[in-house]
Amino acid sequence: MISDIKDIHHEKLVAMNSQFVHWLSPLDAPRLYWLLERADYARQIHDGAGMLIAYPSDVDYPDHKNIKWLSNHLDKFYYIDRIIIDEAKQGNGLGQILYDDVEDHARQNGFKWIACEVNTRPNNPGSHRFHLNRGYDVMGDADYPAFDAALRYYKKEL
């Protein structure tokens, strides 16, 4: 059901990212490889029907605006960078399964906090509901005019 992201999944994951790029940063095959080299957690579910990529707060990713923002508000945390569920598979609990898995992974590796961000511009109301229903607390908001985006940051104590 859940396994590591492998080369056979890349094309499908890049295509799914394009479908939701208004809430995610752009992703092509070289960028996906680059992210996966840094990721501590890079898992997919049901042969690429969904994926989740996450990092510890001390990841070697110095220009990541979200990790910088979170580092100013939390000590040692685990950061969910990107989750994508195929539109045709949404509503089937795949996001819940991936979140259960990444939260367990972070907890087992000694992290007290798990954190993420959700767009407020353009708004992603389904993702806000998802995180609040899972017990995530709002930390704050940030506006990034250079990216034409605004984000709400969430945290959950593990």
C-alpha atoms as a PDB file:
ATOM      1  CA  MET A   1       0.000   0.000   0.000  1.00  0.00           C
ATOM      2  CA  ILE A   2       2.637   2.585   1.104  1.00  0.00           C
ATOM      3  CA  SER A   3       6.203   2.375  -0.146  1.00  0.00           C
ATOM      4  CA  ASP A   4       9.130   4.571  -1.103  1.00  0.00           C
ATOM      5  CA  ILE A   5       8.826   6.738  -4.193  1.00  0.00           C
ATOM      6  CA  LYS A   6      10.640   4.985  -7.023  1.00  0.00           C
ATOM      7  CA  ASP A   7      11.600   6.032 -10.547  1.00  0.00           C
ATOM      8  CA  ILE A   8       8.495   4.300 -11.968  1.00  0.00           C
ATOM      9  CA  HIS A   9       6.301   6.768 -10.027  1.00  0.00           C
ATOM     10  CA  HIS A  10       8.052   9.972 -11.117  1.00  0.00           C
ATOM     11  CA  GLU A  11       6.164  10.694 -14.331  1.00  0.00           C
ATOM     12  CA  LYS A  12       2.771  10.265 -12.670  1.00  0.00           C
ATOM     13  CA  LEU A  13       3.750  12.372  -9.637  1.00  0.00           C
ATOM     14  CA  VAL A  14       5.087  15.208 -11.776  1.00  0.00           C
ATOM     15  CA  ALA A  15       1.836  15.181 -13.797  1.00  0.00           C
ATOM     16  CA  MET A  16      -0.265  15.268 -10.597  1.00  0.00           C
ATOM     17  CA  ASN A  17       1.819  18.162  -9.286  1.00  0.00           C
ATOM     18  CA  SER A  18       1.047  20.088 -12.489  1.00  0.00           C
ATOM     19  CA  GLN A  19      -2.661  19.559 -11.888  1.00  0.00           C
ATOM     20  CA  PHE A  20      -2.387  21.224  -8.456  1.00  0.00           C
ATOM     21  CA  VAL A  21       0.497  23.637  -9.135  1.00  0.00           C
ATOM     22  CA  HIS A  22      -1.630  26.608  -8.007  1.00  0.00           C
ATOM     23  CA  TRP A  23      -1.211  25.231  -4.438  1.00  0.00           C
ATOM     24  CA  LEU A  24       2.263  23.755  -4.911  1.00  0.00           C
ATOM     25  CA  SER A  25       5.527  24.900  -6.348  1.00  0.00           C
ATOM     26  CA  PRO A  26       6.308  23.780  -9.915  1.00  0.00           C
ATOM     27  CA  LEU A  27       7.885  20.355 -10.266  1.00  0.00           C
ATOM     28  CA  ASP A  28       9.640  18.663 -13.148  1.00  0.00           C
ATOM     29  CA  ALA A  29      11.657  15.434 -13.141  1.00  0.00           C
ATOM     30  CA  PRO A  30      15.024  17.042 -12.227  1.00  0.00           C
ATOM     31  CA  ARG A  31      13.417  19.028  -9.398  1.00  0.00           C
ATOM     32  CA  LEU A  32      11.696  15.894  -8.085  1.00  0.00           C
ATOM     33  CA  TYR A  33      15.073  14.082  -8.005  1.00  0.00           C
ATOM     34  CA  TRP A  34      16.560  17.058  -6.158  1.00  0.00           C
ATOM     35  CA  LEU A  35      13.757  17.019  -3.553  1.00  0.00           C
ATOM     36  CA  LEU A  36      14.000  13.271  -3.090  1.00  0.00           C
ATOM     37  CA  GLU A  37      17.755  13.512  -2.457  1.00  0.00           C
ATOM     38  CA  ARG A  38      17.018  15.773   0.534  1.00  0.00           C
ATOM     39  CA  ALA A  39      13.872  14.086   1.783  1.00  0.00           C
ATOM     40  CA  ASP A  40      13.943  11.993   4.917  1.00  0.00           C
ATOM     41  CA  TYR A  41      10.440  10.788   4.122  1.00  0.00           C
ATOM     42  CA  ALA A  42       9.361  10.238   0.504  1.00  0.00           C
ATOM     43  CA  ARG A  43       6.529   7.768   0.236  1.00  0.00           C
ATOM     44  CA  GLN A  44       3.798   6.991  -2.258  1.00  0.00           C
ATOM     45  CA  ILE A  45       0.555   5.069  -1.912  1.00  0.00           C
ATOM     46  CA  HIS A  46      -1.274   2.739  -4.326  1.00  0.00           C
ATOM     47  CA  ASP A  47       1.276   2.850  -7.128  1.00  0.00           C
ATOM     48  CA  GLY A  48       1.514   6.634  -7.258  1.00  0.00           C
ATOM     49  CA  ALA A  49      -2.094   7.544  -6.443  1.00  0.00           C
ATOM     50  CA  GLY A  50      -0.630   9.872  -3.836  1.00  0.00           C
ATOM     51  CA  MET A  51       2.688  10.982  -2.388  1.00  0.00           C
ATOM     52  CA  LEU A  52       4.080  12.784   0.618  1.00  0.00           C
ATOM     53  CA  ILE A  53       7.554  14.316   0.981  1.00  0.00           C
ATOM     54  CA  ALA A  54       8.843  15.537   4.351  1.00  0.00           C
ATOM     55  CA  TYR A  55      12.066  16.707   6.004  1.00  0.00           C
ATOM     56  CA  PRO A  56      13.486  17.245   9.468  1.00  0.00           C
ATOM     57  CA  SER A  57      13.920  20.918  10.362  1.00  0.00           C
ATOM     58  CA  ASP A  58      17.709  20.676   9.995  1.00  0.00           C
ATOM     59  CA  VAL A  59      17.553  19.533   6.351  1.00  0.00           C
ATOM     60  CA  ASP A  60      20.150  21.002   3.991  1.00  0.00           C
ATOM     61  CA  TYR A  61      17.679  23.238   2.153  1.00  0.00           C
ATOM     62  CA  PRO A  62      18.824  26.784   3.027  1.00  0.00           C
ATOM     63  CA  ASP A  63      16.516  28.737   0.709  1.00  0.00           C
ATOM     64  CA  HIS A  64      13.250  27.063   1.724  1.00  0.00           C
ATOM     65  CA  LYS A  65      10.985  29.915   2.861  1.00  0.00           C
ATOM     66  CA  ASN A  66       8.632  27.653   4.814  1.00  0.00           C
ATOM     67  CA  ILE A  67      11.357  25.893   6.782  1.00  0.00           C
ATOM     68  CA  LYS A  68      12.820  29.331   7.581  1.00  0.00           C
ATOM     69  CA  TRP A  69       9.454  30.633   8.795  1.00  0.00           C
ATOM     70  CA  LEU A  70       8.795  27.538  10.888  1.00  0.00           C
ATOM     71  CA  SER A  71      12.327  27.561  12.345  1.00  0.00           C
ATOM     72  CA  ASN A  72      11.598  31.006  13.790  1.00  0.00           C
ATOM     73  CA  HIS A  73       8.542  29.605  15.605  1.00  0.00           C
ATOM     74  CA  LEU A  74       9.344  25.985  16.538  1.00  0.00           C
ATOM     75  CA  ASP A  75      12.255  23.963  17.831  1.00  0.00           C
ATOM     76  CA  LYS A  76      13.144  20.634  16.254  1.00  0.00           C
ATOM     77  CA  PHE A  77      10.184  19.833  14.001  1.00  0.00           C
ATOM     78  CA  TYR A  78       9.339  17.586  11.097  1.00  0.00           C
ATOM     79  CA  TYR A  79       8.121  19.426   7.998  1.00  0.00           C
ATOM     80  CA  ILE A  80       5.573  18.131   5.511  1.00  0.00           C
ATOM     81  CA  ASP A  81       6.656  19.798   2.296  1.00  0.00           C
ATOM     82  CA  ARG A  82       4.375  18.306  -0.314  1.00  0.00           C
ATOM     83  CA  ILE A  83       1.388  15.995  -0.413  1.00  0.00           C
ATOM     84  CA  ILE A  84      -0.527  15.221  -3.576  1.00  0.00           C
ATOM     85  CA  ILE A  85      -3.452  12.865  -4.027  1.00  0.00           C
ATOM     86  CA  ASP A  86      -4.691  12.036  -7.522  1.00  0.00           C
ATOM     87  CA  GLU A  87      -7.929  13.954  -8.059  1.00  0.00           C
ATOM     88  CA  ALA A  88      -9.775  10.741  -8.999  1.00  0.00           C
ATOM     89  CA  LYS A  89      -8.656   9.119  -5.714  1.00  0.00           C
ATOM     90  CA  GLN A  90      -9.458  12.008  -3.364  1.00  0.00           C
ATOM     91  CA  GLY A  91     -11.970  11.295  -0.619  1.00  0.00           C
ATOM     92  CA  ASN A  92     -10.837   7.684  -0.223  1.00  0.00           C
ATOM     93  CA  GLY A  93      -8.669   8.235   2.862  1.00  0.00           C
ATOM     94  CA  LEU A  94      -5.276   8.119   1.121  1.00  0.00           C
ATOM     95  CA  GLY A  95      -4.228  11.452   2.649  1.00  0.00           C
ATOM     96  CA  GLN A  96      -5.209  10.192   6.109  1.00  0.00           C
ATOM     97  CA  ILE A  97      -3.127   7.039   5.610  1.00  0.00           C
ATOM     98  CA  LEU A  98      -0.079   8.999   4.442  1.00  0.00           C
ATOM     99  CA  TYR A  99      -0.431  11.468   7.338  1.00  0.00           C
ATOM    100  CA  ASP A 100      -0.738   8.620   9.864  1.00  0.00           C
ATOM    101  CA  ASP A 101       2.438   7.129   8.406  1.00  0.00           C
ATOM    102  CA  VAL A 102       4.492  10.345   8.348  1.00  0.00           C
ATOM    103  CA  GLU A 103       3.353  11.315  11.857  1.00  0.00           C
ATOM    104  CA  ASP A 104       4.386   7.871  13.139  1.00  0.00           C
ATOM    105  CA  HIS A 105       7.725   8.213  11.333  1.00  0.00           C
ATOM    106  CA  ALA A 106       8.381  11.639  12.875  1.00  0.00           C
ATOM    107  CA  ARG A 107       7.351  10.457  16.351  1.00  0.00           C
ATOM    108  CA  GLN A 108       9.569   7.357  16.122  1.00  0.00           C
ATOM    109  CA  ASN A 109      12.496   9.582  15.153  1.00  0.00           C
ATOM    110  CA  GLY A 110      12.145  11.749  18.251  1.00  0.00           C
ATOM    111  CA  PHE A 111      10.331  14.781  16.859  1.00  0.00           C
ATOM    112  CA  LYS A 112       7.947  16.629  19.161  1.00  0.00           C
ATOM    113  CA  TRP A 113       6.287  18.660  16.397  1.00  0.00           C
ATOM    114  CA  ILE A 114       5.127  18.125  12.849  1.00  0.00           C
ATOM    115  CA  ALA A 115       4.390  21.195  10.756  1.00  0.00           C
ATOM    116  CA  CYS A 116       3.161  22.222   7.332  1.00  0.00           C
ATOM    117  CA  GLU A 117       1.596  25.104   5.438  1.00  0.00           C
ATOM    118  CA  VAL A 118      -1.590  25.513   3.432  1.00  0.00           C
ATOM    119  CA  ASN A 119      -2.347  28.212   0.881  1.00  0.00           C
ATOM    120  CA  THR A 120      -4.683  31.026   1.804  1.00  0.00           C
ATOM    121  CA  ARG A 121      -4.022  32.732  -1.569  1.00  0.00           C
ATOM    122  CA  PRO A 122      -5.061  30.932  -3.627  1.00  0.00           C
ATOM    123  CA  ASN A 123      -7.130  29.454  -0.844  1.00  0.00           C
ATOM    124  CA  ASN A 124      -7.261  25.700  -0.274  1.00  0.00           C
ATOM    125  CA  PRO A 125     -10.261  25.278   2.071  1.00  0.00           C
ATOM    126  CA  GLY A 126     -10.292  21.477   1.848  1.00  0.00           C
ATOM    127  CA  SER A 127      -6.707  21.285   3.084  1.00  0.00           C
ATOM    128  CA  HIS A 128      -7.422  23.704   5.949  1.00  0.00           C
ATOM    129  CA  ARG A 129     -10.344  21.485   7.067  1.00  0.00           C
ATOM    130  CA  PHE A 130      -8.202  18.360   6.715  1.00  0.00           C
ATOM    131  CA  HIS A 131      -5.471  19.722   8.993  1.00  0.00           C
ATOM    132  CA  LEU A 132      -7.841  21.153  11.598  1.00  0.00           C
ATOM    133  CA  ASN A 133      -9.738  17.838  11.714  1.00  0.00           C
ATOM    134  CA  ARG A 134      -6.433  16.016  12.310  1.00  0.00           C
ATOM    135  CA  GLY A 135      -5.646  18.189  15.328  1.00  0.00           C
ATOM    136  CA  TYR A 136      -3.249  20.659  13.732  1.00  0.00           C
ATOM    137  CA  ASP A 137      -3.181  24.142  15.276  1.00  0.00           C
ATOM    138  CA  VAL A 138      -2.782  27.392  13.345  1.00  0.00           C
ATOM    139  CA  MET A 139       0.589  29.033  14.017  1.00  0.00           C
ATOM    140  CA  GLY A 140       0.293  32.108  11.833  1.00  0.00           C
ATOM    141  CA  ASP A 141       0.081  33.495   8.333  1.00  0.00           C
ATOM    142  CA  ALA A 142       2.639  34.831   5.902  1.00  0.00           C
ATOM    143  CA  ASP A 143       2.322  36.695   2.624  1.00  0.00           C
ATOM    144  CA  TYR A 144       4.802  36.035  -0.192  1.00  0.00           C
ATOM    145  CA  PRO A 145       4.104  38.597  -2.953  1.00  0.00           C
ATOM    146  CA  ALA A 146       7.076  37.405  -5.017  1.00  0.00           C
ATOM    147  CA  PHE A 147       5.376  34.001  -5.281  1.00  0.00           C
ATOM    148  CA  ASP A 148       1.860  35.489  -5.545  1.00  0.00           C
ATOM    149  CA  ALA A 149       0.920  33.346  -2.548  1.00  0.00           C
ATOM    150  CA  ALA A 150      -0.117  33.623   1.069  1.00  0.00           C
ATOM    151  CA  LEU A 151       0.191  30.727   3.486  1.00  0.00           C
ATOM    152  CA  ARG A 152      -1.144  29.583   6.833  1.00  0.00           C
ATOM    153  CA  TYR A 153       1.252  27.545   8.949  1.00  0.00           C
ATOM    154  CA  TYR A 154       0.085  24.619  11.056  1.00  0.00           C
ATOM    155  CA  LYS A 155       1.680  22.503  13.768  1.00  0.00           C
ATOM    156  CA  LYS A 156       0.747  19.388  15.682  1.00  0.00           C
ATOM    157  CA  GLU A 157       2.333  18.051  18.826  1.00  0.00           C
ATOM    158  CA  LEU A 158       3.274  14.410  18.417  1.00  0.00           C
END
